[in-house]
Amino acid sequence: MKIEQIYTGCLAQGAYYIQCCGEAAIIDPLREVAPYLKKAEQDGVKIKYIFETHFHADFVSGHVTLAEKTGAPIIYGPNANPKFEAHIAKDGEIFEIGKLKIKVLHTPGHTMESTTYLLLDKEGKEHAIFTGDTLFLGDVGRPDLAQKAATMTQEDLAGILFDSLRTKIMPLGDEVIVYPAHGAGSACGKNMMKETVDTLGNQKRMNYALRADMTKEEFVKEVTDGLLPPPAYFPLNVKMNKEGYESIDTVLATGGKSLSPDAFELTANSMDALVLDVRKPQEFAAAHIPNSIFIGLDGSFAPWVGELIVDVKQPILLVVPEGRAEEAVTRLARVGFDNTLGYLEGGVAAWKSANKEIDSVVSIPATELESRYETIKEQIFDVRKPGEFQSEHIDGAKHTPLSNLNDHLASFPKEETFYVHCAGGYRSMIAVSILKARGIHNLVDVQKGYGAIKATAIPKTDFVCPSTL
């Protein structure tokens, strides 16, 4: 028996490869399926089943492509209604992988089709559960992503989730291993641990949602409390996961085209394409194409693309570091952005050589912000998340979270210079690029963000532990 967790940090997502005696199963595969095919080939096994725990909202699964390439059936739990061919399993149904068995445990609540897969070893002993978004480490799946208009509220779904956990998962042995679909950083929960594997016994001890003496009313209140609005692209990803999508091979072929500066400019204008610059923040600050948006590959790239660009059909042109075009196109496709039209050959250097217009960002170190503080303290804007800001911030700073920056445009000064920071410099550069694309140029980025600001004497609010907020 071999179980491998294939974890993708950008999405905080875990896919799983299970093989035994010449057969394999994949659970919740990512959009690009080549790694799974390669593993199966190296191990000399046949991919027999593709299991989906539910219709994912935060990424596009590779189930459709993997089924086409292997002939393996796609398995969903009860209540699933995909538009493509799939096996809709019954609660308790058993699937065999070599000498292993996978038992279907229908665990609705996060969504109504949500299913946990229980792995039984060669002796028939309960070995592990693949919980999807039903049970995370330290948390459970949010119950507000599958509301059925007025017929089902998030409180209704939370109550269903309570029953699923207590009738299907908590009765299992403490030694059973928990393999969730997501870890810390995912928007599918709110308080996940940084670890990605644990025992069920430990989760019963420390996961607030699994308290033995918890009433359903308490569970519903705690699970629904403090939920931030889900990213706007989530429903579009669910639609793709339910209805199917274009082959990743086609997406890579189109998005991987190199374009000369003239061809790049012509395509941008004729296709109303968004120019997405995925280099490092300070590279973007030094020189970038006017009106381009920065979201760097070396960060939570795909989730921020989904959060801020939203429309998965938006035509996109890329400015990428050398040799990373395919990576950028692949990571966009993971969250449903399939309409990448190519990338700028030679990057910004080629754009400059073609005598085309260049823009830049004024960016200063935190020490310089410190020297200016007394005269500009009313002009500092913090774009971190609400919890980060509430925990500690510059005294007098205004809070304009990046996730809904467009709702705060009127709050930025029209003529006076203002200063933007986040935690480490990544999100502030995204914010600055969006503001500049909106025609707001009287701004300054603070390098390395609050991490650097904390080392200065700039007045700050008293620290409050985030766990108490």
Protein backbone atom coordinates (compact mmCIF):
# COMPACT_ATOMS: atom_id res chain seq x y z
CA MET A 1 0.00 0.00 0.00
CA LYS A 2 1.24 3.46 -0.91
CA ILE A 3 -0.50 6.73 -0.04
CA GLU A 4 0.99 9.96 -1.29
CA GLN A 5 -0.31 13.43 -0.50
CA ILE A 6 0.41 15.80 -3.38
CA TYR A 7 0.19 19.21 -1.75
CA THR A 8 0.04 22.47 -3.69
CA GLY A 9 0.94 25.38 -1.44
CA CYS A 10 -0.44 28.15 -3.64
CA LEU A 11 -3.94 26.68 -3.31
CA ALA A 12 -3.34 25.04 0.07
CA GLN A 13 -4.77 21.94 -1.61
CA GLY A 14 -4.08 18.25 -1.11
CA ALA A 15 -4.65 15.67 -3.84
CA TYR A 16 -4.03 11.99 -3.11
CA TYR A 17 -2.45 9.07 -4.95
CA ILE A 18 -3.20 5.61 -3.56
CA GLN A 19 -1.85 2.40 -5.09
CA CYS A 20 -1.76 -1.28 -4.29
CA CYS A 21 -1.09 -4.46 -6.25
CA GLY A 22 -1.01 -2.91 -9.71
CA GLU A 23 -3.96 -0.53 -9.27
CA ALA A 24 -4.24 3.12 -8.25
CA ALA A 25 -6.81 5.73 -7.33
CA ILE A 26 -6.57 9.51 -7.42
CA ILE A 27 -8.58 11.70 -5.05
CA ASP A 28 -9.31 15.35 -5.92
CA PRO A 29 -6.68 15.75 -8.69
CA LEU A 30 -5.47 19.14 -9.82
CA ARG A 31 -6.15 20.46 -13.32
CA GLU A 32 -2.79 19.35 -14.75
CA VAL A 33 -2.85 15.55 -14.75
CA ALA A 34 0.64 14.73 -16.07
CA PRO A 35 2.09 14.18 -12.55
CA TYR A 36 -0.49 11.49 -11.77
CA LEU A 37 0.06 9.74 -15.08
CA LYS A 38 3.81 9.83 -14.51
CA LYS A 39 3.51 8.35 -11.01
CA ALA A 40 1.31 5.53 -12.25
CA GLU A 41 3.72 4.78 -15.09
CA GLN A 42 6.73 4.78 -12.78
CA ASP A 43 4.97 2.43 -10.36
CA GLY A 44 3.71 0.22 -13.17
CA VAL A 45 0.08 0.56 -12.06
CA LYS A 46 -3.23 1.32 -13.74
CA ILE A 47 -5.34 4.25 -12.53
CA LYS A 48 -8.61 2.49 -11.76
CA TYR A 49 -10.72 5.21 -10.12
CA ILE A 50 -10.87 9.00 -9.83
CA PHE A 51 -12.63 10.04 -6.63
CA GLU A 52 -14.08 13.51 -6.12
CA THR A 53 -15.06 14.53 -2.60
CA HIS A 54 -17.40 17.27 -3.88
CA PHE A 55 -17.73 19.98 -6.53
CA HIS A 56 -14.77 22.16 -5.65
CA ALA A 57 -15.19 25.93 -5.63
CA ASP A 58 -11.63 27.16 -5.13
CA PHE A 59 -9.94 25.26 -7.96
CA VAL A 60 -10.74 23.35 -11.14
CA SER A 61 -10.19 19.65 -10.64
CA GLY A 62 -8.42 17.44 -13.18
CA HIS A 63 -11.08 14.73 -13.04
CA VAL A 64 -12.47 15.19 -16.56
CA THR A 65 -9.08 15.21 -18.31
CA LEU A 66 -7.74 12.36 -16.20
CA ALA A 67 -10.77 10.23 -17.05
CA GLU A 68 -10.30 10.96 -20.75
CA LYS A 69 -6.63 9.99 -20.63
CA THR A 70 -6.98 6.84 -18.50
CA GLY A 71 -10.50 5.57 -19.04
CA ALA A 72 -10.96 5.47 -15.27
CA PRO A 73 -14.46 6.34 -14.04
CA ILE A 74 -15.10 9.49 -12.01
CA ILE A 75 -16.72 8.69 -8.67
CA TYR A 76 -18.93 11.13 -6.76
CA GLY A 77 -20.98 10.57 -3.65
CA PRO A 78 -24.77 10.81 -3.39
CA ASN A 79 -26.57 13.96 -4.60
CA ALA A 80 -23.92 14.84 -7.21
CA ASN A 81 -25.32 15.89 -10.59
CA PRO A 82 -22.44 16.39 -13.06
CA LYS A 83 -23.10 17.03 -16.75
CA PHE A 84 -20.50 14.43 -17.81
CA GLU A 85 -20.44 10.68 -17.33
CA ALA A 86 -19.70 9.69 -13.74
CA HIS A 87 -20.55 6.98 -11.23
CA ILE A 88 -22.73 8.39 -8.45
CA ALA A 89 -21.98 6.11 -5.52
CA LYS A 90 -24.35 5.03 -2.78
CA ASP A 91 -23.59 5.68 0.87
CA GLY A 92 -21.58 2.70 2.09
CA GLU A 93 -20.59 1.50 -1.39
CA ILE A 94 -17.20 -0.24 -1.60
CA PHE A 95 -14.52 0.15 -4.29
CA GLU A 96 -11.47 -2.11 -4.50
CA ILE A 97 -7.93 -0.97 -5.34
CA GLY A 98 -5.77 -4.06 -5.38
CA LYS A 99 -6.18 -5.52 -1.89
CA LEU A 100 -7.41 -2.21 -0.46
CA LYS A 101 -11.00 -1.05 -0.18
CA ILE A 102 -12.46 2.44 -0.24
CA LYS A 103 -15.83 2.89 1.46
CA VAL A 104 -18.11 5.80 0.62
CA LEU A 105 -19.25 7.84 3.64
CA HIS A 106 -21.76 10.46 2.55
CA THR A 107 -21.02 13.52 4.70
CA PRO A 108 -23.16 16.44 3.45
CA GLY A 109 -22.97 19.88 5.01
CA HIS A 110 -20.17 21.74 3.27
CA THR A 111 -22.11 20.87 0.12
CA MET A 112 -24.92 18.36 -0.24
CA GLU A 113 -22.82 15.95 -2.30
CA SER A 114 -19.78 16.16 0.01
CA THR A 115 -18.37 12.70 0.63
CA THR A 116 -15.60 11.26 2.79
CA TYR A 117 -13.71 8.20 1.55
CA LEU A 118 -12.69 5.65 4.18
CA LEU A 119 -9.65 3.54 3.26
CA LEU A 120 -9.57 -0.04 4.56
CA ASP A 121 -6.20 -1.79 4.48
CA LYS A 122 -5.42 -5.34 3.31
CA GLU A 123 -6.74 -6.76 6.58
CA GLY A 124 -9.93 -4.72 6.36
CA LYS A 125 -8.86 -2.35 9.14
CA GLU A 126 -9.93 1.30 8.99
CA HIS A 127 -6.72 3.09 8.03
CA ALA A 128 -7.48 6.62 6.79
CA ILE A 129 -10.21 9.05 5.75
CA PHE A 130 -10.01 11.45 2.84
CA THR A 131 -12.36 14.13 4.08
CA GLY A 132 -12.41 16.70 1.29
CA ASP A 133 -13.85 19.91 2.73
CA THR A 134 -15.97 18.14 5.36
CA LEU A 135 -13.23 17.99 8.00
CA PHE A 136 -10.06 20.03 8.00
CA LEU A 137 -7.31 19.97 10.60
CA GLY A 138 -8.47 22.42 13.23
CA ASP A 139 -11.67 23.33 11.40
CA VAL A 140 -14.50 22.12 9.19
CA GLY A 141 -15.69 23.24 5.76
CA ARG A 142 -17.64 26.46 5.57
CA PRO A 143 -21.38 25.86 5.07
CA ASP A 144 -22.18 28.90 2.96
CA LEU A 145 -20.94 27.82 -0.48
CA ALA A 146 -23.84 25.60 -1.53
CA GLN A 147 -26.93 27.52 -0.47
CA LYS A 148 -29.98 26.72 -2.58
CA ALA A 149 -31.53 30.19 -2.81
CA ALA A 150 -34.25 30.60 -0.17
CA THR A 151 -34.71 26.89 0.41
CA MET A 152 -31.51 26.25 2.35
CA THR A 153 -29.53 28.61 4.55
CA GLN A 154 -25.95 28.33 5.77
CA GLU A 155 -27.42 27.50 9.18
CA ASP A 156 -29.34 24.59 7.62
CA LEU A 157 -26.16 23.27 6.00
CA ALA A 158 -24.20 23.73 9.22
CA GLY A 159 -26.76 21.60 11.03
CA ILE A 160 -26.45 18.90 8.39
CA LEU A 161 -22.65 19.06 8.72
CA PHE A 162 -22.98 18.58 12.49
CA ASP A 163 -24.91 15.36 11.93
CA SER A 164 -22.45 14.13 9.29
CA LEU A 165 -19.47 14.59 11.58
CA ARG A 166 -21.10 12.88 14.52
CA THR A 167 -22.67 9.94 12.69
CA LYS A 168 -20.02 9.18 10.07
CA ILE A 169 -16.61 10.48 11.19
CA MET A 170 -16.44 10.79 14.98
CA PRO A 171 -17.41 7.12 15.59
CA LEU A 172 -14.24 6.04 13.72
CA GLY A 173 -11.18 4.98 15.71
CA ASP A 174 -8.73 7.55 17.07
CA GLU A 175 -5.84 5.96 15.14
CA VAL A 176 -7.50 6.65 11.76
CA ILE A 177 -5.43 9.14 9.72
CA VAL A 178 -7.13 12.28 8.46
CA TYR A 179 -6.21 13.51 4.98
CA PRO A 180 -8.09 16.76 4.22
CA ALA A 181 -8.43 18.56 0.90
CA HIS A 182 -7.06 21.85 2.25
CA GLY A 183 -4.77 23.38 4.84
CA ALA A 184 -4.02 26.82 6.28
CA GLY A 185 -4.50 29.60 3.74
CA SER A 186 -7.51 28.15 1.96
CA ALA A 187 -10.70 30.23 1.77
CA CYS A 188 -12.77 27.04 2.20
CA GLY A 189 -12.40 27.27 5.99
CA LYS A 190 -11.37 29.90 8.51
CA ASN A 191 -9.02 28.46 11.14
CA MET A 192 -7.03 25.59 9.65
CA MET A 193 -3.80 24.19 11.05
CA LYS A 194 -0.57 24.50 9.11
CA GLU A 195 -0.14 20.71 9.29
CA THR A 196 -1.70 18.69 6.47
CA VAL A 197 -1.98 15.21 8.07
CA ASP A 198 -3.17 14.22 11.54
CA THR A 199 -4.91 11.46 13.46
CA LEU A 200 -8.63 11.59 14.10
CA GLY A 201 -7.95 11.16 17.81
CA ASN A 202 -5.93 14.36 17.94
CA GLN A 203 -8.61 16.21 16.00
CA LYS A 204 -11.24 15.02 18.46
CA ARG A 205 -9.11 16.55 21.23
CA MET A 206 -8.25 19.90 19.67
CA ASN A 207 -10.69 20.69 16.82
CA TYR A 208 -13.39 22.97 18.23
CA ALA A 209 -15.98 21.49 15.84
CA LEU A 210 -15.52 17.95 17.21
CA ARG A 211 -16.13 18.67 20.89
CA ALA A 212 -18.00 15.70 22.31
CA ASP A 213 -20.28 17.86 24.49
CA MET A 214 -21.13 20.34 21.75
CA THR A 215 -24.80 20.91 20.95
CA LYS A 216 -25.99 21.37 17.38
CA GLU A 217 -26.98 24.96 18.20
CA GLU A 218 -23.46 25.70 19.50
CA PHE A 219 -21.91 24.10 16.44
CA VAL A 220 -24.05 26.12 14.03
CA LYS A 221 -23.20 29.36 15.81
CA GLU A 222 -19.44 28.71 15.95
CA VAL A 223 -19.13 27.41 12.39
CA THR A 224 -21.02 30.32 10.85
CA ASP A 225 -19.49 33.03 13.03
CA GLY A 226 -16.94 35.27 11.36
CA LEU A 227 -17.27 33.89 7.83
CA LEU A 228 -15.87 36.34 5.30
CA PRO A 229 -17.63 36.54 1.91
CA PRO A 230 -16.33 33.78 -0.40
CA PRO A 231 -14.22 34.88 -3.38
CA ALA A 232 -16.40 35.86 -6.33
CA TYR A 233 -14.83 33.30 -8.68
CA PHE A 234 -15.95 30.32 -6.59
CA PRO A 235 -19.31 29.77 -8.37
CA LEU A 236 -17.55 29.86 -11.76
CA ASN A 237 -15.17 27.11 -10.66
CA VAL A 238 -18.07 25.00 -9.38
CA LYS A 239 -19.75 25.38 -12.77
CA MET A 240 -16.63 24.16 -14.58
CA ASN A 241 -16.23 21.23 -12.20
CA LYS A 242 -19.86 20.21 -12.76
CA GLU A 243 -20.07 20.79 -16.50
CA GLY A 244 -16.55 20.10 -17.79
CA TYR A 245 -13.90 22.30 -19.34
CA GLU A 246 -11.34 22.65 -22.12
CA SER A 247 -8.34 20.33 -22.17
CA ILE A 248 -5.37 21.66 -20.22
CA ASP A 249 -3.21 20.79 -23.24
CA THR A 250 -5.15 23.27 -25.38
CA VAL A 251 -4.95 25.95 -22.69
CA LEU A 252 -1.17 25.51 -22.40
CA ALA A 253 -0.69 25.62 -26.18
CA THR A 254 -2.55 28.92 -26.50
CA GLY A 255 -1.25 30.58 -23.35
CA GLY A 256 2.33 29.50 -24.01
CA LYS A 257 2.72 31.53 -27.21
CA SER A 258 5.52 34.08 -27.13
CA LEU A 259 4.57 37.47 -28.59
CA SER A 260 6.83 40.26 -29.77
CA PRO A 261 6.21 43.65 -28.19
CA ASP A 262 4.25 44.80 -31.26
CA ALA A 263 2.16 41.63 -31.37
CA PHE A 264 1.64 41.80 -27.60
CA GLU A 265 0.42 45.40 -27.81
CA LEU A 266 -1.84 44.66 -30.79
CA THR A 267 -3.38 41.66 -29.03
CA ALA A 268 -3.94 43.63 -25.84
CA ASN A 269 -5.78 46.37 -27.72
CA SER A 270 -7.77 44.19 -30.11
CA MET A 271 -8.83 41.60 -27.51
CA ASP A 272 -9.31 44.01 -24.60
CA ALA A 273 -6.88 41.79 -22.71
CA LEU A 274 -5.69 42.35 -19.18
CA VAL A 275 -1.90 42.56 -18.90
CA LEU A 276 -0.93 40.50 -15.86
CA ASP A 277 2.62 40.99 -14.57
CA VAL A 278 3.72 38.02 -12.44
CA ARG A 279 7.32 39.01 -11.62
CA LYS A 280 8.66 40.05 -8.19
CA PRO A 281 7.16 43.15 -6.52
CA GLN A 282 10.28 45.30 -6.77
CA GLU A 283 10.81 44.30 -10.42
CA PHE A 284 7.30 45.55 -11.13
CA ALA A 285 8.00 48.74 -9.15
CA ALA A 286 11.14 49.46 -11.18
CA ALA A 287 9.47 49.18 -14.58
CA HIS A 288 6.20 47.83 -15.91
CA ILE A 289 3.76 48.22 -18.78
CA PRO A 290 1.27 51.02 -18.01
CA ASN A 291 -2.10 49.81 -16.68
CA SER A 292 -0.81 46.27 -16.10
CA ILE A 293 -1.84 44.48 -12.92
CA PHE A 294 0.74 42.88 -10.65
CA ILE A 295 0.06 39.52 -8.99
CA GLY A 296 3.37 37.74 -8.45
CA LEU A 297 3.94 34.04 -9.02
CA ASP A 298 5.98 33.87 -5.81
CA GLY A 299 2.98 34.31 -3.54
CA SER A 300 -0.64 33.19 -3.29
CA PHE A 301 -0.90 33.76 -7.00
CA ALA A 302 -3.94 31.77 -8.13
CA PRO A 303 -6.24 32.69 -5.20
CA TRP A 304 -5.52 36.40 -5.63
CA VAL A 305 -6.14 36.16 -9.37
CA GLY A 306 -9.51 34.59 -8.65
CA GLU A 307 -10.31 37.08 -5.92
CA LEU A 308 -9.43 40.19 -7.90
CA ILE A 309 -9.95 39.39 -11.58
CA VAL A 310 -13.04 37.24 -10.93
CA ASP A 311 -14.18 36.68 -14.55
CA VAL A 312 -12.56 33.42 -15.66
CA LYS A 313 -13.28 34.31 -19.29
CA GLN A 314 -11.19 37.50 -19.14
CA PRO A 315 -8.50 37.48 -21.88
CA ILE A 316 -5.07 37.69 -20.23
CA LEU A 317 -1.59 38.51 -21.52
CA LEU A 318 1.38 37.71 -19.32
CA VAL A 319 4.60 39.40 -18.37
CA VAL A 320 6.63 36.61 -16.80
CA PRO A 321 10.12 35.87 -15.49
CA GLU A 322 12.17 33.99 -18.05
CA GLY A 323 11.24 30.33 -18.28
CA ARG A 324 8.08 30.54 -16.15
CA ALA A 325 5.38 31.09 -18.77
CA GLU A 326 4.06 27.53 -18.62
CA GLU A 327 3.95 27.67 -14.84
CA ALA A 328 1.92 30.87 -14.95
CA VAL A 329 -0.55 29.51 -17.52
CA THR A 330 -0.93 26.28 -15.56
CA ARG A 331 -1.58 28.04 -12.28
CA LEU A 332 -4.16 30.31 -13.92
CA ALA A 333 -5.91 27.25 -15.36
CA ARG A 334 -6.06 25.67 -11.90
CA VAL A 335 -8.59 28.33 -10.93
CA GLY A 336 -10.42 28.36 -14.26
CA PHE A 337 -8.66 31.18 -16.10
CA ASP A 338 -8.28 29.45 -19.46
CA ASN A 339 -8.21 32.48 -21.73
CA THR A 340 -4.48 33.30 -21.59
CA LEU A 341 -3.41 34.54 -25.01
CA GLY A 342 0.38 34.46 -24.67
CA TYR A 343 3.30 36.17 -22.98
CA LEU A 344 5.69 39.03 -23.79
CA GLU A 345 8.81 37.61 -25.42
CA GLY A 346 11.89 39.14 -23.84
CA GLY A 347 9.84 40.69 -21.04
CA VAL A 348 9.98 44.33 -20.01
CA ALA A 349 13.51 44.68 -21.41
CA ALA A 350 12.18 43.92 -24.89
CA TRP A 351 9.29 46.32 -24.32
CA LYS A 352 11.77 49.07 -23.44
CA SER A 353 13.95 48.24 -26.46
CA ALA A 354 10.89 48.67 -28.68
CA ASN A 355 10.61 52.23 -27.32
CA LYS A 356 7.23 51.60 -25.76
CA GLU A 357 5.92 53.45 -22.73
CA ILE A 358 7.03 52.34 -19.26
CA ASP A 359 5.58 53.13 -15.84
CA SER A 360 7.06 52.66 -12.35
CA VAL A 361 6.10 52.74 -8.68
CA VAL A 362 7.65 54.93 -6.00
CA SER A 363 8.68 52.47 -3.29
CA ILE A 364 10.37 53.40 -0.01
CA PRO A 365 11.78 51.44 2.97
CA ALA A 366 9.97 51.48 6.29
CA THR A 367 12.70 53.66 7.80
CA GLU A 368 11.82 56.43 5.36
CA LEU A 369 8.14 56.10 6.26
CA GLU A 370 9.24 56.53 9.87
CA SER A 371 11.03 59.79 9.09
CA ARG A 372 7.93 61.15 7.34
CA TYR A 373 5.36 59.78 9.79
CA GLU A 374 4.47 62.97 11.70
CA THR A 375 3.56 64.83 8.51
CA ILE A 376 1.85 62.00 6.62
CA LYS A 377 0.27 59.85 9.37
CA GLU A 378 -3.24 60.57 8.08
CA GLN A 379 -2.28 59.28 4.64
CA ILE A 380 -1.27 55.67 5.47
CA PHE A 381 -3.40 52.85 4.08
CA ASP A 382 -3.15 49.27 5.32
CA VAL A 383 -4.39 46.62 2.83
CA ARG A 384 -4.05 43.54 5.05
CA LYS A 385 -6.95 41.30 6.08
CA PRO A 386 -9.32 42.52 8.82
CA GLY A 387 -7.88 40.12 11.42
CA GLU A 388 -4.33 41.28 10.73
CA PHE A 389 -5.33 44.92 11.02
CA GLN A 390 -7.33 44.38 14.21
CA SER A 391 -4.43 42.49 15.77
CA GLU A 392 -2.01 45.42 15.38
CA HIS A 393 -1.56 48.37 13.04
CA ILE A 394 0.04 51.77 12.62
CA ASP A 395 -1.70 54.27 14.87
CA GLY A 396 -4.10 56.25 12.68
CA ALA A 397 -3.75 54.06 9.57
CA LYS A 398 -6.82 53.56 7.42
CA HIS A 399 -7.90 50.02 6.64
CA THR A 400 -8.63 49.20 2.99
CA PRO A 401 -8.46 45.39 2.57
CA LEU A 402 -7.04 44.26 -0.74
CA SER A 403 -9.87 41.77 -1.29
CA ASN A 404 -12.40 44.58 -1.70
CA LEU A 405 -10.12 47.44 -2.64
CA ASN A 406 -12.50 48.65 -5.34
CA ASP A 407 -15.08 49.43 -2.66
CA HIS A 408 -12.63 51.90 -1.07
CA LEU A 409 -11.53 53.89 -4.11
CA ALA A 410 -13.34 57.02 -2.94
CA SER A 411 -11.39 56.99 0.33
CA PHE A 412 -8.00 57.56 -1.31
CA PRO A 413 -6.76 61.16 -1.59
CA LYS A 414 -7.19 62.65 -5.03
CA GLU A 415 -4.08 64.86 -4.96
CA GLU A 416 -2.10 64.34 -1.74
CA THR A 417 0.50 61.59 -1.73
CA PHE A 418 -0.53 58.54 0.29
CA TYR A 419 1.30 55.43 1.44
CA VAL A 420 0.26 51.80 1.03
CA HIS A 421 1.53 48.77 2.96
CA CYS A 422 0.59 45.16 3.68
CA ALA A 423 2.43 42.55 5.76
CA GLY A 424 5.45 41.87 3.55
CA GLY A 425 5.20 43.90 0.33
CA TYR A 426 3.37 41.42 -1.93
CA ARG A 427 -0.23 42.55 -1.45
CA SER A 428 0.61 46.25 -1.30
CA MET A 429 2.16 46.03 -4.78
CA ILE A 430 -1.00 44.32 -6.04
CA ALA A 431 -3.04 47.15 -4.52
CA VAL A 432 -0.76 49.81 -5.98
CA SER A 433 -1.02 48.27 -9.46
CA ILE A 434 -4.81 48.23 -9.27
CA LEU A 435 -4.94 51.84 -8.10
CA LYS A 436 -2.58 52.97 -10.85
CA ALA A 437 -4.68 51.12 -13.42
CA ARG A 438 -7.65 53.14 -12.09
CA GLY A 439 -5.72 56.36 -12.77
CA ILE A 440 -4.54 56.94 -9.18
CA HIS A 441 -0.81 57.71 -9.24
CA ASN A 442 -0.22 59.87 -6.14
CA LEU A 443 0.89 56.90 -4.08
CA VAL A 444 3.95 55.32 -2.51
CA ASP A 445 4.53 51.65 -1.71
CA VAL A 446 6.19 50.70 1.58
CA GLN A 447 8.75 47.95 1.02
CA LYS A 448 8.49 44.75 3.11
CA GLY A 449 5.31 46.03 4.72
CA TYR A 450 4.37 45.73 8.36
CA GLY A 451 7.13 43.24 8.99
CA ALA A 452 9.62 46.06 8.44
CA ILE A 453 7.41 48.72 10.03
CA LYS A 454 7.37 46.80 13.34
CA ALA A 455 11.13 47.35 13.65
CA THR A 456 10.68 51.14 13.52
CA ALA A 457 9.51 53.61 16.16
CA ILE A 458 6.31 54.42 14.23
CA PRO A 459 3.46 54.45 16.81
CA LYS A 460 1.35 51.28 16.74
CA THR A 461 -1.76 50.01 18.45
CA ASP A 462 -1.43 47.47 21.25
CA PHE A 463 -1.08 43.91 20.01
CA VAL A 464 -4.12 41.65 20.32
CA CYS A 465 -3.64 37.93 19.72
CA PRO A 466 -5.59 37.02 16.54
CA SER A 467 -7.10 33.98 18.25
CA THR A 468 -8.99 36.24 20.65
CA LEU A 469 -10.57 38.37 17.95
